Amino acid sequence: MSEIPEVDPAEAARLTDEDDAVLLDVREVEEWSAGHAPNAMLLPMSRLQDEQHVIPRDRRIVAICRSGARSGRVTLALNAAGYDAVNVAGGMKQWAETGLPVVTDDGSPGSVA
């Protein structure tokens, strides 16, 4: 199996805060609704094949899920399709444990489901 390129949550936040990258959350809608990273883009892994065209090709893609497993598979698929993608090691669980913000759609504090 190919090596999955990864960044830690702090580096993922830095990349996306500087607008150099898109944080792509590949969890399901229910997980997203409980809490997600600010400014993330939702595209569940289950819809990736049909909706991959909405992912920008001109910026690095930083993929995230709950633990890093699904987003790791998405990272490999995106890189195989010509994107510049990296996985967030540890996913949203590690993101939250690092102290980075987790919010709901209305901006209030969220949780990792």
PDB file of N, CA and C in Angstrom:
ATOM      1  N   MET A   1       0.835  -1.188   0.000  1.00  0.00           N
ATOM      2  CA  MET A   1       0.000   0.000   0.000  1.00  0.00           C
ATOM      3  C   MET A   1       0.879   1.251   0.000  1.00  0.00           C
ATOM      4  N   SER A   2       0.401   2.272  -0.636  1.00  0.00           N
ATOM      5  CA  SER A   2       1.152   3.520  -0.728  1.00  0.00           C
ATOM      6  C   SER A   2       1.216   4.217   0.623  1.00  0.00           C
ATOM      7  N   GLU A   3       2.283   4.940   0.822  1.00  0.00           N
ATOM      8  CA  GLU A   3       2.438   5.756   2.021  1.00  0.00           C
ATOM      9  C   GLU A   3       1.467   6.932   1.947  1.00  0.00           C
ATOM     10  N   ILE A   4       0.739   7.159   3.028  1.00  0.00           N
ATOM     11  CA  ILE A   4      -0.229   8.255   3.062  1.00  0.00           C
ATOM     12  C   ILE A   4       0.478   9.504   3.590  1.00  0.00           C
ATOM     13  N   PRO A   5       0.535  10.580   2.795  1.00  0.00           N
ATOM     14  CA  PRO A   5       1.145  11.817   3.295  1.00  0.00           C
ATOM     15  C   PRO A   5       0.260  12.427   4.385  1.00  0.00           C
ATOM     16  N   GLU A   6       0.882  12.797   5.497  1.00  0.00           N
ATOM     17  CA  GLU A   6       0.117  13.310   6.629  1.00  0.00           C
ATOM     18  C   GLU A   6       0.705  14.589   7.190  1.00  0.00           C
ATOM     19  N   VAL A   7      -0.178  15.364   7.819  1.00  0.00           N
ATOM     20  CA  VAL A   7       0.219  16.522   8.612  1.00  0.00           C
ATOM     21  C   VAL A   7      -0.465  16.400   9.962  1.00  0.00           C
ATOM     22  N   ASP A   8       0.113  17.028  10.978  1.00  0.00           N
ATOM     23  CA  ASP A   8      -0.564  17.007  12.274  1.00  0.00           C
ATOM     24  C   ASP A   8      -1.639  18.095  12.284  1.00  0.00           C
ATOM     25  N   PRO A   9      -2.555  18.059  13.276  1.00  0.00           N
ATOM     26  CA  PRO A   9      -3.637  19.043  13.292  1.00  0.00           C
ATOM     27  C   PRO A   9      -3.164  20.495  13.301  1.00  0.00           C
ATOM     28  N   ALA A  10      -2.096  20.799  14.010  1.00  0.00           N
ATOM     29  CA  ALA A  10      -1.599  22.179  14.051  1.00  0.00           C
ATOM     30  C   ALA A  10      -1.157  22.641  12.664  1.00  0.00           C
ATOM     31  N   GLU A  11      -0.462  21.773  11.939  1.00  0.00           N
ATOM     32  CA  GLU A  11      -0.033  22.111  10.577  1.00  0.00           C
ATOM     33  C   GLU A  11      -1.247  22.226   9.650  1.00  0.00           C
ATOM     34  N   ALA A  12      -2.235  21.358   9.824  1.00  0.00           N
ATOM     35  CA  ALA A  12      -3.460  21.437   9.021  1.00  0.00           C
ATOM     36  C   ALA A  12      -4.154  22.778   9.248  1.00  0.00           C
ATOM     37  N   ALA A  13      -4.240  23.194  10.500  1.00  0.00           N
ATOM     38  CA  ALA A  13      -4.876  24.479  10.825  1.00  0.00           C
ATOM     39  C   ALA A  13      -4.086  25.629  10.212  1.00  0.00           C
ATOM     40  N   ARG A  14      -2.761  25.547  10.296  1.00  0.00           N
ATOM     41  CA  ARG A  14      -1.932  26.605   9.718  1.00  0.00           C
ATOM     42  C   ARG A  14      -2.133  26.692   8.209  1.00  0.00           C
ATOM     43  N   LEU A  15      -2.112  25.563   7.539  1.00  0.00           N
ATOM     44  CA  LEU A  15      -2.285  25.538   6.079  1.00  0.00           C
ATOM     45  C   LEU A  15      -3.634  26.122   5.674  1.00  0.00           C
ATOM     46  N   THR A  16      -4.680  25.750   6.376  1.00  0.00           N
ATOM     47  CA  THR A  16      -6.014  26.212   5.991  1.00  0.00           C
ATOM     48  C   THR A  16      -6.280  27.634   6.464  1.00  0.00           C
ATOM     49  N   ASP A  17      -5.702  28.039   7.587  1.00  0.00           N
ATOM     50  CA  ASP A  17      -5.870  29.422   8.064  1.00  0.00           C
ATOM     51  C   ASP A  17      -5.222  30.414   7.105  1.00  0.00           C
ATOM     52  N   GLU A  18      -4.112  30.023   6.523  1.00  0.00           N
ATOM     53  CA  GLU A  18      -3.404  30.901   5.592  1.00  0.00           C
ATOM     54  C   GLU A  18      -4.014  30.842   4.196  1.00  0.00           C
ATOM     55  N   ASP A  19      -5.099  30.099   4.047  1.00  0.00           N
ATOM     56  CA  ASP A  19      -5.820  29.966   2.796  1.00  0.00           C
ATOM     57  C   ASP A  19      -4.978  29.327   1.689  1.00  0.00           C
ATOM     58  N   ASP A  20      -3.970  28.578   2.112  1.00  0.00           N
ATOM     59  CA  ASP A  20      -3.157  27.850   1.140  1.00  0.00           C
ATOM     60  C   ASP A  20      -3.776  26.501   0.810  1.00  0.00           C
ATOM     61  N   ALA A  21      -4.760  26.077   1.603  1.00  0.00           N
ATOM     62  CA  ALA A  21      -5.314  24.740   1.451  1.00  0.00           C
ATOM     63  C   ALA A  21      -6.792  24.730   1.816  1.00  0.00           C
ATOM     64  N   VAL A  22      -7.465  23.666   1.392  1.00  0.00           N
ATOM     65  CA  VAL A  22      -8.874  23.431   1.718  1.00  0.00           C
ATOM     66  C   VAL A  22      -8.934  22.276   2.711  1.00  0.00           C
ATOM     67  N   LEU A  23      -9.603  22.499   3.842  1.00  0.00           N
ATOM     68  CA  LEU A  23      -9.819  21.429   4.808  1.00  0.00           C
ATOM     69  C   LEU A  23     -11.079  20.683   4.395  1.00  0.00           C
ATOM     70  N   LEU A  24     -10.913  19.453   3.948  1.00  0.00           N
ATOM     71  CA  LEU A  24     -12.007  18.642   3.424  1.00  0.00           C
ATOM     72  C   LEU A  24     -12.411  17.600   4.457  1.00  0.00           C
ATOM     73  N   ASP A  25     -13.582  17.788   5.054  1.00  0.00           N
ATOM     74  CA  ASP A  25     -14.114  16.857   6.051  1.00  0.00           C
ATOM     75  C   ASP A  25     -14.887  15.778   5.311  1.00  0.00           C
ATOM     76  N   VAL A  26     -14.460  14.520   5.448  1.00  0.00           N
ATOM     77  CA  VAL A  26     -15.073  13.426   4.696  1.00  0.00           C
ATOM     78  C   VAL A  26     -15.981  12.562   5.563  1.00  0.00           C
ATOM     79  N   ARG A  27     -16.329  13.066   6.755  1.00  0.00           N
ATOM     80  CA  ARG A  27     -17.248  12.329   7.624  1.00  0.00           C
ATOM     81  C   ARG A  27     -18.672  12.454   7.099  1.00  0.00           C
ATOM     82  N   GLU A  28     -19.575  11.711   7.698  1.00  0.00           N
ATOM     83  CA  GLU A  28     -20.983  11.770   7.307  1.00  0.00           C
ATOM     84  C   GLU A  28     -21.648  12.993   7.921  1.00  0.00           C
ATOM     85  N   VAL A  29     -22.801  13.381   7.373  1.00  0.00           N
ATOM     86  CA  VAL A  29     -23.503  14.592   7.780  1.00  0.00           C
ATOM     87  C   VAL A  29     -23.776  14.611   9.286  1.00  0.00           C
ATOM     88  N   GLU A  30     -24.158  13.485   9.870  1.00  0.00           N
ATOM     89  CA  GLU A  30     -24.460  13.436  11.304  1.00  0.00           C
ATOM     90  C   GLU A  30     -23.221  13.777  12.136  1.00  0.00           C
ATOM     91  N   GLU A  31     -22.067  13.290  11.708  1.00  0.00           N
ATOM     92  CA  GLU A  31     -20.820  13.583  12.421  1.00  0.00           C
ATOM     93  C   GLU A  31     -20.482  15.065  12.280  1.00  0.00           C
ATOM     94  N   TRP A  32     -20.620  15.583  11.078  1.00  0.00           N
ATOM     95  CA  TRP A  32     -20.356  16.997  10.796  1.00  0.00           C
ATOM     96  C   TRP A  32     -21.247  17.881  11.663  1.00  0.00           C
ATOM     97  N   SER A  33     -22.534  17.539  11.760  1.00  0.00           N
ATOM     98  CA  SER A  33     -23.499  18.354  12.489  1.00  0.00           C
ATOM     99  C   SER A  33     -23.144  18.467  13.968  1.00  0.00           C
ATOM    100  N   ALA A  34     -22.557  17.422  14.540  1.00  0.00           N
ATOM    101  CA  ALA A  34     -22.165  17.452  15.955  1.00  0.00           C
ATOM    102  C   ALA A  34     -21.027  18.437  16.190  1.00  0.00           C
ATOM    103  N   GLY A  35     -20.140  18.560  15.219  1.00  0.00           N
ATOM    104  CA  GLY A  35     -19.023  19.486  15.340  1.00  0.00           C
ATOM    105  C   GLY A  35     -17.990  19.253  14.265  1.00  0.00           C
ATOM    106  N   HIS A  36     -17.439  20.365  13.765  1.00  0.00           N
ATOM    107  CA  HIS A  36     -16.425  20.305  12.710  1.00  0.00           C
ATOM    108  C   HIS A  36     -15.451  21.468  12.883  1.00  0.00           C
ATOM    109  N   ALA A  37     -14.395  21.415  12.129  1.00  0.00           N
ATOM    110  CA  ALA A  37     -13.423  22.508  12.155  1.00  0.00           C
ATOM    111  C   ALA A  37     -14.016  23.719  11.437  1.00  0.00           C
ATOM    112  N   PRO A  38     -13.767  24.912  11.953  1.00  0.00           N
ATOM    113  CA  PRO A  38     -14.239  26.108  11.246  1.00  0.00           C
ATOM    114  C   PRO A  38     -13.648  26.144   9.836  1.00  0.00           C
ATOM    115  N   ASN A  39     -14.408  26.644   8.907  1.00  0.00           N
ATOM    116  CA  ASN A  39     -13.980  26.810   7.515  1.00  0.00           C
ATOM    117  C   ASN A  39     -13.743  25.509   6.755  1.00  0.00           C
ATOM    118  N   ALA A  40     -14.118  24.377   7.346  1.00  0.00           N
ATOM    119  CA  ALA A  40     -13.982  23.107   6.627  1.00  0.00           C
ATOM    120  C   ALA A  40     -15.081  22.997   5.570  1.00  0.00           C
ATOM    121  N   MET A  41     -14.795  22.169   4.586  1.00  0.00           N
ATOM    122  CA  MET A  41     -15.753  21.862   3.518  1.00  0.00           C
ATOM    123  C   MET A  41     -16.195  20.421   3.719  1.00  0.00           C
ATOM    124  N   LEU A  42     -17.489  20.172   3.727  1.00  0.00           N
ATOM    125  CA  LEU A  42     -18.006  18.820   3.911  1.00  0.00           C
ATOM    126  C   LEU A  42     -18.210  18.131   2.569  1.00  0.00           C
ATOM    127  N   LEU A  43     -17.632  16.962   2.424  1.00  0.00           N
ATOM    128  CA  LEU A  43     -17.914  16.062   1.313  1.00  0.00           C
ATOM    129  C   LEU A  43     -17.720  14.640   1.844  1.00  0.00           C
ATOM    130  N   PRO A  44     -18.823  14.022   2.303  1.00  0.00           N
ATOM    131  CA  PRO A  44     -18.688  12.676   2.874  1.00  0.00           C
ATOM    132  C   PRO A  44     -18.013  11.706   1.905  1.00  0.00           C
ATOM    133  N   MET A  45     -17.188  10.831   2.466  1.00  0.00           N
ATOM    134  CA  MET A  45     -16.484   9.837   1.667  1.00  0.00           C
ATOM    135  C   MET A  45     -17.472   9.042   0.814  1.00  0.00           C
ATOM    136  N   SER A  46     -18.662   8.794   1.330  1.00  0.00           N
ATOM    137  CA  SER A  46     -19.665   8.023   0.594  1.00  0.00           C
ATOM    138  C   SER A  46     -20.131   8.729  -0.677  1.00  0.00           C
ATOM    139  N   ARG A  47     -19.912  10.041  -0.778  1.00  0.00           N
ATOM    140  CA  ARG A  47     -20.322  10.797  -1.968  1.00  0.00           C
ATOM    141  C   ARG A  47     -19.130  11.249  -2.814  1.00  0.00           C
ATOM    142  N   LEU A  48     -17.932  10.879  -2.415  1.00  0.00           N
ATOM    143  CA  LEU A  48     -16.722  11.366  -3.081  1.00  0.00           C
ATOM    144  C   LEU A  48     -16.704  11.048  -4.575  1.00  0.00           C
ATOM    145  N   GLN A  49     -17.003   9.834  -4.922  1.00  0.00           N
ATOM    146  CA  GLN A  49     -16.916   9.441  -6.332  1.00  0.00           C
ATOM    147  C   GLN A  49     -17.848  10.279  -7.204  1.00  0.00           C
ATOM    148  N   ASP A  50     -19.060  10.532  -6.727  1.00  0.00           N
ATOM    149  CA  ASP A  50     -20.036  11.282  -7.518  1.00  0.00           C
ATOM    150  C   ASP A  50     -19.817  12.788  -7.485  1.00  0.00           C
ATOM    151  N   GLU A  51     -19.188  13.301  -6.423  1.00  0.00           N
ATOM    152  CA  GLU A  51     -19.099  14.751  -6.252  1.00  0.00           C
ATOM    153  C   GLU A  51     -17.666  15.291  -6.191  1.00  0.00           C
ATOM    154  N   GLN A  52     -16.710  14.486  -6.589  1.00  0.00           N
ATOM    155  CA  GLN A  52     -15.309  14.898  -6.534  1.00  0.00           C
ATOM    156  C   GLN A  52     -15.061  16.186  -7.315  1.00  0.00           C
ATOM    157  N   HIS A  53     -15.866  16.468  -8.326  1.00  0.00           N
ATOM    158  CA  HIS A  53     -15.686  17.658  -9.162  1.00  0.00           C
ATOM    159  C   HIS A  53     -15.808  18.966  -8.384  1.00  0.00           C
ATOM    160  N   VAL A  54     -16.415  18.944  -7.193  1.00  0.00           N
ATOM    161  CA  VAL A  54     -16.557  20.185  -6.406  1.00  0.00           C
ATOM    162  C   VAL A  54     -15.279  20.521  -5.623  1.00  0.00           C
ATOM    163  N   ILE A  55     -14.337  19.608  -5.579  1.00  0.00           N
ATOM    164  CA  ILE A  55     -13.098  19.833  -4.834  1.00  0.00           C
ATOM    165  C   ILE A  55     -12.157  20.665  -5.703  1.00  0.00           C
ATOM    166  N   PRO A  56     -11.669  21.800  -5.181  1.00  0.00           N
ATOM    167  CA  PRO A  56     -10.765  22.642  -5.973  1.00  0.00           C
ATOM    168  C   PRO A  56      -9.473  21.899  -6.324  1.00  0.00           C
ATOM    169  N   ARG A  57      -9.004  22.106  -7.532  1.00  0.00           N
ATOM    170  CA  ARG A  57      -7.755  21.476  -7.974  1.00  0.00           C
ATOM    171  C   ARG A  57      -6.557  22.406  -7.843  1.00  0.00           C
ATOM    172  N   ASP A  58      -6.815  23.683  -7.559  1.00  0.00           N
ATOM    173  CA  ASP A  58      -5.725  24.663  -7.545  1.00  0.00           C
ATOM    174  C   ASP A  58      -5.152  24.908  -6.147  1.00  0.00           C
ATOM    175  N   ARG A  59      -5.606  24.144  -5.170  1.00  0.00           N
ATOM    176  CA  ARG A  59      -5.087  24.284  -3.807  1.00  0.00           C
ATOM    177  C   ARG A  59      -4.859  22.911  -3.200  1.00  0.00           C
ATOM    178  N   ARG A  60      -3.991  22.848  -2.209  1.00  0.00           N
ATOM    179  CA  ARG A  60      -3.757  21.595  -1.503  1.00  0.00           C
ATOM    180  C   ARG A  60      -5.029  21.207  -0.755  1.00  0.00           C
ATOM    181  N   ILE A  61      -5.315  19.921  -0.734  1.00  0.00           N
ATOM    182  CA  ILE A  61      -6.469  19.390  -0.017  1.00  0.00           C
ATOM    183  C   ILE A  61      -5.956  18.727   1.266  1.00  0.00           C
ATOM    184  N   VAL A  62      -6.516  19.147   2.385  1.00  0.00           N
ATOM    185  CA  VAL A  62      -6.171  18.584   3.688  1.00  0.00           C
ATOM    186  C   VAL A  62      -7.402  17.805   4.145  1.00  0.00           C
ATOM    187  N   ALA A  63      -7.345  16.480   4.047  1.00  0.00           N
ATOM    188  CA  ALA A  63      -8.497  15.633   4.334  1.00  0.00           C
ATOM    189  C   ALA A  63      -8.535  15.252   5.814  1.00  0.00           C
ATOM    190  N   ILE A  64      -9.758  15.270   6.378  1.00  0.00           N
ATOM    191  CA  ILE A  64      -9.929  14.940   7.785  1.00  0.00           C
ATOM    192  C   ILE A  64     -11.202  14.127   7.979  1.00  0.00           C
ATOM    193  N   CYS A  65     -11.169  13.200   8.927  1.00  0.00           N
ATOM    194  CA  CYS A  65     -12.349  12.446   9.331  1.00  0.00           C
ATOM    195  C   CYS A  65     -12.309  12.346  10.857  1.00  0.00           C
ATOM    196  N   ARG A  66     -12.917  11.358  11.443  1.00  0.00           N
ATOM    197  CA  ARG A  66     -12.929  11.254  12.905  1.00  0.00           C
ATOM    198  C   ARG A  66     -11.562  10.853  13.451  1.00  0.00           C
ATOM    199  N   SER A  67     -10.960   9.809  12.854  1.00  0.00           N
ATOM    200  CA  SER A  67      -9.711   9.282  13.401  1.00  0.00           C
ATOM    201  C   SER A  67      -8.535   9.316  12.430  1.00  0.00           C
ATOM    202  N   GLY A  68      -8.807   9.581  11.164  1.00  0.00           N
ATOM    203  CA  GLY A  68      -7.751   9.600  10.155  1.00  0.00           C
ATOM    204  C   GLY A  68      -7.774   8.431   9.199  1.00  0.00           C
ATOM    205  N   ALA A  69      -8.620   7.427   9.450  1.00  0.00           N
ATOM    206  CA  ALA A  69      -8.655   6.245   8.587  1.00  0.00           C
ATOM    207  C   ALA A  69      -9.362   6.530   7.261  1.00  0.00           C
ATOM    208  N   ARG A  70     -10.589   7.033   7.322  1.00  0.00           N
ATOM    209  CA  ARG A  70     -11.323   7.329   6.082  1.00  0.00           C
ATOM    210  C   ARG A  70     -10.610   8.407   5.281  1.00  0.00           C
ATOM    211  N   SER A  71     -10.163   9.456   5.969  1.00  0.00           N
ATOM    212  CA  SER A  71      -9.489  10.539   5.245  1.00  0.00           C
ATOM    213  C   SER A  71      -8.167  10.076   4.652  1.00  0.00           C
ATOM    214  N   GLY A  72      -7.547   9.089   5.253  1.00  0.00           N
ATOM    215  CA  GLY A  72      -6.333   8.512   4.666  1.00  0.00           C
ATOM    216  C   GLY A  72      -6.630   7.849   3.336  1.00  0.00           C
ATOM    217  N   ARG A  73      -7.728   7.110   3.277  1.00  0.00           N
ATOM    218  CA  ARG A  73      -8.120   6.470   2.015  1.00  0.00           C
ATOM    219  C   ARG A  73      -8.492   7.528   0.976  1.00  0.00           C
ATOM    220  N   VAL A  74      -9.187   8.577   1.416  1.00  0.00           N
ATOM    221  CA  VAL A  74      -9.557   9.664   0.499  1.00  0.00           C
ATOM    222  C   VAL A  74      -8.297  10.355  -0.019  1.00  0.00           C
ATOM    223  N   THR A  75      -7.319  10.580   0.854  1.00  0.00           N
ATOM    224  CA  THR A  75      -6.062  11.213   0.447  1.00  0.00           C
ATOM    225  C   THR A  75      -5.394  10.421  -0.662  1.00  0.00           C
ATOM    226  N   LEU A  76      -5.314   9.103  -0.505  1.00  0.00           N
ATOM    227  CA  LEU A  76      -4.706   8.264  -1.542  1.00  0.00           C
ATOM    228  C   LEU A  76      -5.480   8.362  -2.847  1.00  0.00           C
ATOM    229  N   ALA A  77      -6.815   8.333  -2.762  1.00  0.00           N
ATOM    230  CA  ALA A  77      -7.644   8.408  -3.972  1.00  0.00           C
ATOM    231  C   ALA A  77      -7.487   9.752  -4.667  1.00  0.00           C
ATOM    232  N   LEU A  78      -7.465  10.831  -3.889  1.00  0.00           N
ATOM    233  CA  LEU A  78      -7.314  12.156  -4.492  1.00  0.00           C
ATOM    234  C   LEU A  78      -5.947  12.314  -5.142  1.00  0.00           C
ATOM    235  N   ASN A  79      -4.903  11.862  -4.465  1.00  0.00           N
ATOM    236  CA  ASN A  79      -3.569  11.950  -5.056  1.00  0.00           C
ATOM    237  C   ASN A  79      -3.490  11.134  -6.347  1.00  0.00           C
ATOM    238  N   ALA A  80      -4.132   9.969  -6.373  1.00  0.00           N
ATOM    239  CA  ALA A  80      -4.147   9.139  -7.580  1.00  0.00           C
ATOM    240  C   ALA A  80      -4.892   9.844  -8.714  1.00  0.00           C
ATOM    241  N   ALA A  81      -5.838  10.727  -8.352  1.00  0.00           N
ATOM    242  CA  ALA A  81      -6.621  11.468  -9.347  1.00  0.00           C
ATOM    243  C   ALA A  81      -5.977  12.801  -9.723  1.00  0.00           C
ATOM    244  N   GLY A  82      -4.767  13.044  -9.227  1.00  0.00           N
ATOM    245  CA  GLY A  82      -4.043  14.243  -9.628  1.00  0.00           C
ATOM    246  C   GLY A  82      -4.129  15.426  -8.686  1.00  0.00           C
ATOM    247  N   TYR A  83      -4.769  15.252  -7.543  1.00  0.00           N
ATOM    248  CA  TYR A  83      -4.823  16.327  -6.546  1.00  0.00           C
ATOM    249  C   TYR A  83      -3.551  16.322  -5.701  1.00  0.00           C
ATOM    250  N   ASP A  84      -3.301  17.416  -5.006  1.00  0.00           N
ATOM    251  CA  ASP A  84      -2.235  17.508  -4.007  1.00  0.00           C
ATOM    252  C   ASP A  84      -2.941  17.394  -2.661  1.00  0.00           C
ATOM    253  N   ALA A  85      -2.958  16.206  -2.081  1.00  0.00           N
ATOM    254  CA  ALA A  85      -3.726  15.963  -0.859  1.00  0.00           C
ATOM    255  C   ALA A  85      -2.862  15.371   0.246  1.00  0.00           C
ATOM    256  N   VAL A  86      -3.195  15.755   1.479  1.00  0.00           N
ATOM    257  CA  VAL A  86      -2.567  15.193   2.674  1.00  0.00           C
ATOM    258  C   VAL A  86      -3.668  14.843   3.666  1.00  0.00           C
ATOM    259  N   ASN A  87      -3.369  13.933   4.555  1.00  0.00           N
ATOM    260  CA  ASN A  87      -4.294  13.477   5.583  1.00  0.00           C
ATOM    261  C   ASN A  87      -3.953  14.143   6.915  1.00  0.00           C
ATOM    262  N   VAL A  88      -4.973  14.438   7.716  1.00  0.00           N
ATOM    263  CA  VAL A  88      -4.731  14.950   9.065  1.00  0.00           C
ATOM    264  C   VAL A  88      -4.576  13.754   9.992  1.00  0.00           C
ATOM    265  N   ALA A  89      -3.376  13.568  10.520  1.00  0.00           N
ATOM    266  CA  ALA A  89      -3.091  12.460  11.430  1.00  0.00           C
ATOM    267  C   ALA A  89      -3.957  12.571  12.679  1.00  0.00           C
ATOM    268  N   GLY A  90      -4.654  11.498  13.004  1.00  0.00           N
ATOM    269  CA  GLY A  90      -5.485  11.475  14.203  1.00  0.00           C
ATOM    270  C   GLY A  90      -6.865  12.068  14.023  1.00  0.00           C
ATOM    271  N   GLY A  91      -7.124  12.684  12.870  1.00  0.00           N
ATOM    272  CA  GLY A  91      -8.444  13.192  12.550  1.00  0.00           C
ATOM    273  C   GLY A  91      -8.987  14.239  13.515  1.00  0.00           C
ATOM    274  N   MET A  92     -10.321  14.350  13.539  1.00  0.00           N
ATOM    275  CA  MET A  92     -10.980  15.343  14.387  1.00  0.00           C
ATOM    276  C   MET A  92     -10.764  15.053  15.872  1.00  0.00           C
ATOM    277  N   LYS A  93     -10.575  13.787  16.225  1.00  0.00           N
ATOM    278  CA  LYS A  93     -10.292  13.472  17.629  1.00  0.00           C
ATOM    279  C   LYS A  93      -9.005  14.161  18.070  1.00  0.00           C
ATOM    280  N   GLN A  94      -7.956  14.032  17.262  1.00  0.00           N
ATOM    281  CA  GLN A  94      -6.678  14.674  17.587  1.00  0.00           C
ATOM    282  C   GLN A  94      -6.784  16.186  17.454  1.00  0.00           C
ATOM    283  N   TRP A  95      -7.541  16.675  16.478  1.00  0.00           N
ATOM    284  CA  TRP A  95      -7.767  18.109  16.284  1.00  0.00           C
ATOM    285  C   TRP A  95      -8.305  18.705  17.587  1.00  0.00           C
ATOM    286  N   ALA A  96      -9.361  18.085  18.128  1.00  0.00           N
ATOM    287  CA  ALA A  96      -9.988  18.583  19.360  1.00  0.00           C
ATOM    288  C   ALA A  96      -9.044  18.443  20.556  1.00  0.00           C
ATOM    289  N   GLU A  97      -8.335  17.319  20.643  1.00  0.00           N
ATOM    290  CA  GLU A  97      -7.404  17.101  21.760  1.00  0.00           C
ATOM    291  C   GLU A  97      -6.256  18.104  21.734  1.00  0.00           C
ATOM    292  N   THR A  98      -5.922  18.605  20.556  1.00  0.00           N
ATOM    293  CA  THR A  98      -4.868  19.606  20.411  1.00  0.00           C
ATOM    294  C   THR A  98      -5.343  20.978  20.887  1.00  0.00           C
ATOM    295  N   GLY A  99      -6.670  21.119  21.053  1.00  0.00           N
ATOM    296  CA  GLY A  99      -7.216  22.390  21.505  1.00  0.00           C
ATOM    297  C   GLY A  99      -7.696  23.281  20.371  1.00  0.00           C
ATOM    298  N   LEU A 100      -7.723  22.741  19.164  1.00  0.00           N
ATOM    299  CA  LEU A 100      -8.224  23.509  18.026  1.00  0.00           C
ATOM    300  C   LEU A 100      -9.751  23.553  18.082  1.00  0.00           C
ATOM    301  N   PRO A 101     -10.362  24.590  17.510  1.00  0.00           N
ATOM    302  CA  PRO A 101     -11.807  24.761  17.655  1.00  0.00           C
ATOM    303  C   PRO A 101     -12.635  23.715  16.911  1.00  0.00           C
ATOM    304  N   VAL A 102     -13.735  23.335  17.555  1.00  0.00           N
ATOM    305  CA  VAL A 102     -14.739  22.455  16.975  1.00  0.00           C
ATOM    306  C   VAL A 102     -16.063  23.191  17.144  1.00  0.00           C
ATOM    307  N   VAL A 103     -16.746  23.434  16.026  1.00  0.00           N
ATOM    308  CA  VAL A 103     -17.969  24.235  16.050  1.00  0.00           C
ATOM    309  C   VAL A 103     -19.118  23.517  15.341  1.00  0.00           C
ATOM    310  N   THR A 104     -20.341  24.000  15.611  1.00  0.00           N
ATOM    311  CA  THR A 104     -21.513  23.541  14.862  1.00  0.00           C
ATOM    312  C   THR A 104     -21.752  24.541  13.731  1.00  0.00           C
ATOM    313  N   ASP A 105     -22.752  24.286  12.929  1.00  0.00           N
ATOM    314  CA  ASP A 105     -23.024  25.165  11.785  1.00  0.00           C
ATOM    315  C   ASP A 105     -23.334  26.596  12.197  1.00  0.00           C
ATOM    316  N   ASP A 106     -23.901  26.798  13.394  1.00  0.00           N
ATOM    317  CA  ASP A 106     -24.220  28.164  13.831  1.00  0.00           C
ATOM    318  C   ASP A 106     -23.063  28.836  14.577  1.00  0.00           C
ATOM    319  N   GLY A 107     -21.909  28.145  14.624  1.00  0.00           N
ATOM    320  CA  GLY A 107     -20.722  28.728  15.242  1.00  0.00           C
ATOM    321  C   GLY A 107     -20.564  28.451  16.728  1.00  0.00           C
ATOM    322  N   SER A 108     -21.548  27.768  17.325  1.00  0.00           N
ATOM    323  CA  SER A 108     -21.423  27.461  18.749  1.00  0.00           C
ATOM    324  C   SER A 108     -20.488  26.265  18.938  1.00  0.00           C
ATOM    325  N   PRO A 109     -19.973  26.061  20.148  1.00  0.00           N
ATOM    326  CA  PRO A 109     -19.059  24.938  20.385  1.00  0.00           C
ATOM    327  C   PRO A 109     -19.690  23.593  20.016  1.00  0.00           C
ATOM    328  N   GLY A 110     -18.907  22.768  19.368  1.00  0.00           N
ATOM    329  CA  GLY A 110     -19.370  21.453  18.964  1.00  0.00           C
ATOM    330  C   GLY A 110     -18.558  20.364  19.625  1.00  0.00           C
ATOM    331  N   SER A 111     -18.846  19.138  19.242  1.00  0.00           N
ATOM    332  CA  SER A 111     -18.116  17.983  19.768  1.00  0.00           C
ATOM    333  C   SER A 111     -17.813  17.036  18.625  1.00  0.00           C
ATOM    334  N   VAL A 112     -16.862  16.149  18.840  1.00  0.00           N
ATOM    335  CA  VAL A 112     -16.496  15.175  17.822  1.00  0.00           C
ATOM    336  C   VAL A 112     -17.333  13.920  18.045  1.00  0.00           C
ATOM    337  N   ALA A 113     -18.161  13.608  17.062  1.00  0.00           N
ATOM    338  CA  ALA A 113     -19.042  12.441  17.161  1.00  0.00           C
ATOM    339  C   ALA A 113     -18.421  11.248  16.457  1.00  0.00           C
TER     340      ALA A 113
END
